[in-house]
Amino acid sequence: MNTFINRILKATGKYTIVDFAFLKTALLALGILLGTYFTEFFSGYTSLLWIIYIISFFWIMYRTFFKHTN
C-alpha cells in the first residue's frame, strides 16, 4: 500500500496547471451529481457539511501558505 501511495504522490508532483484544472472539474462534477441524487439525504446535514468545508479549507490554506513556504 505504501508503494502505491508513493507512486501516486510522485505522479501528482508532476501535475501541470491543466492537470489540476481537470482534477478540480471532475471533483466539482462529482459533487454536483451526488447533490442531485441525494438531495433529501443531505438536507439535514447542511450545517455539518459547512463546518467540515470551513475546517478543511483553512487546513489546506495553512498547509499551503504557511507550513510549506518555510
C-alpha atoms as a PDB file:
ATOM      1  CA  MET A   1       0.000   0.000   0.000  1.00  0.00           C
ATOM      2  CA  ASN A   2       2.838   2.407   0.800  1.00  0.00           C
ATOM      3  CA  THR A   3       4.359   1.746  -2.623  1.00  0.00           C
ATOM      4  CA  PHE A   4       1.065   2.626  -4.283  1.00  0.00           C
ATOM      5  CA  ILE A   5       0.713   5.841  -2.280  1.00  0.00           C
ATOM      6  CA  ASN A   6       4.307   6.855  -3.039  1.00  0.00           C
ATOM      7  CA  ARG A   7       3.726   6.270  -6.764  1.00  0.00           C
ATOM      8  CA  ILE A   8       0.586   8.423  -6.644  1.00  0.00           C
ATOM      9  CA  LEU A   9       2.347  11.214  -4.751  1.00  0.00           C
ATOM     10  CA  LYS A  10       5.258  11.157  -7.175  1.00  0.00           C
ATOM     11  CA  ALA A  11       2.846  11.359 -10.111  1.00  0.00           C
ATOM     12  CA  THR A  12       0.882  14.269  -8.632  1.00  0.00           C
ATOM     13  CA  GLY A  13       4.147  16.104  -8.103  1.00  0.00           C
ATOM     14  CA  LYS A  14       4.448  16.242 -11.887  1.00  0.00           C
ATOM     15  CA  TYR A  15       0.950  17.639 -12.481  1.00  0.00           C
ATOM     16  CA  THR A  16       0.610  20.775 -14.556  1.00  0.00           C
ATOM     17  CA  ILE A  17      -1.962  23.521 -14.176  1.00  0.00           C
ATOM     18  CA  VAL A  18      -4.122  21.824 -16.794  1.00  0.00           C
ATOM     19  CA  ASP A  19      -3.998  18.530 -14.882  1.00  0.00           C
ATOM     20  CA  PHE A  20      -5.171  20.235 -11.706  1.00  0.00           C
ATOM     21  CA  ALA A  21      -7.901  22.036 -13.655  1.00  0.00           C
ATOM     22  CA  PHE A  22      -9.202  18.704 -14.921  1.00  0.00           C
ATOM     23  CA  LEU A  23      -9.000  17.225 -11.414  1.00  0.00           C
ATOM     24  CA  LYS A  24     -10.971  20.100  -9.924  1.00  0.00           C
ATOM     25  CA  THR A  25     -13.529  19.944 -12.742  1.00  0.00           C
ATOM     26  CA  ALA A  26     -14.012  16.221 -12.198  1.00  0.00           C
ATOM     27  CA  LEU A  27     -14.460  16.683  -8.439  1.00  0.00           C
ATOM     28  CA  LEU A  28     -16.903  19.522  -8.989  1.00  0.00           C
ATOM     29  CA  ALA A  29     -18.947  17.443 -11.413  1.00  0.00           C
ATOM     30  CA  LEU A  30     -18.965  14.515  -8.978  1.00  0.00           C
ATOM     31  CA  GLY A  31     -20.155  16.791  -6.177  1.00  0.00           C
ATOM     32  CA  ILE A  32     -22.965  18.182  -8.309  1.00  0.00           C
ATOM     33  CA  LEU A  33     -24.021  14.691  -9.359  1.00  0.00           C
ATOM     34  CA  LEU A  34     -24.064  13.462  -5.773  1.00  0.00           C
ATOM     35  CA  GLY A  35     -26.007  16.533  -4.741  1.00  0.00           C
ATOM     36  CA  THR A  36     -28.691  15.887  -7.340  1.00  0.00           C
ATOM     37  CA  TYR A  37     -29.110  12.247  -6.389  1.00  0.00           C
ATOM     38  CA  PHE A  38     -29.065  12.609  -2.610  1.00  0.00           C
ATOM     39  CA  THR A  39     -30.854  15.918  -2.047  1.00  0.00           C
ATOM     40  CA  GLU A  40     -33.187  14.740   0.710  1.00  0.00           C
ATOM     41  CA  PHE A  41     -30.463  12.770   2.466  1.00  0.00           C
ATOM     42  CA  PHE A  42     -28.016  15.676   2.756  1.00  0.00           C
ATOM     43  CA  SER A  43     -30.530  18.438   3.508  1.00  0.00           C
ATOM     44  CA  GLY A  44     -30.443  17.649   7.236  1.00  0.00           C
ATOM     45  CA  TYR A  45     -26.639  17.768   7.334  1.00  0.00           C
ATOM     46  CA  THR A  46     -26.083  21.185   5.741  1.00  0.00           C
ATOM     47  CA  SER A  47     -24.583  22.762   8.877  1.00  0.00           C
ATOM     48  CA  LEU A  48     -22.252  19.828   9.436  1.00  0.00           C
ATOM     49  CA  LEU A  49     -21.120  19.926   5.808  1.00  0.00           C
ATOM     50  CA  TRP A  50     -20.375  23.669   6.071  1.00  0.00           C
ATOM     51  CA  ILE A  51     -18.322  23.096   9.227  1.00  0.00           C
ATOM     52  CA  ILE A  52     -16.369  20.297   7.541  1.00  0.00           C
ATOM     53  CA  TYR A  53     -15.777  22.502   4.498  1.00  0.00           C
ATOM     54  CA  ILE A  54     -14.573  25.502   6.524  1.00  0.00           C
ATOM     55  CA  ILE A  55     -12.219  23.421   8.665  1.00  0.00           C
ATOM     56  CA  SER A  56     -10.742  21.636   5.662  1.00  0.00           C
ATOM     57  CA  PHE A  57     -10.434  24.906   3.717  1.00  0.00           C
ATOM     58  CA  PHE A  58      -8.480  26.601   6.480  1.00  0.00           C
ATOM     59  CA  TRP A  59      -6.337  23.485   6.947  1.00  0.00           C
ATOM     60  CA  ILE A  60      -5.382  23.500   3.252  1.00  0.00           C
ATOM     61  CA  MET A  61      -4.699  27.244   3.319  1.00  0.00           C
ATOM     62  CA  TYR A  62      -2.469  26.851   6.371  1.00  0.00           C
ATOM     63  CA  ARG A  63      -0.547  23.936   4.852  1.00  0.00           C
ATOM     64  CA  THR A  64      -0.170  25.719   1.521  1.00  0.00           C
ATOM     65  CA  PHE A  65       0.773  29.219   2.591  1.00  0.00           C
ATOM     66  CA  PHE A  66       2.419  28.799   5.984  1.00  0.00           C
ATOM     67  CA  LYS A  67       3.699  25.271   6.503  1.00  0.00           C
ATOM     68  CA  HIS A  68       5.164  24.574   3.070  1.00  0.00           C
ATOM     69  CA  THR A  69       6.527  28.046   2.344  1.00  0.00           C
ATOM     70  CA  ASN A  70       9.015  27.948   5.225  1.00  0.00           C
END
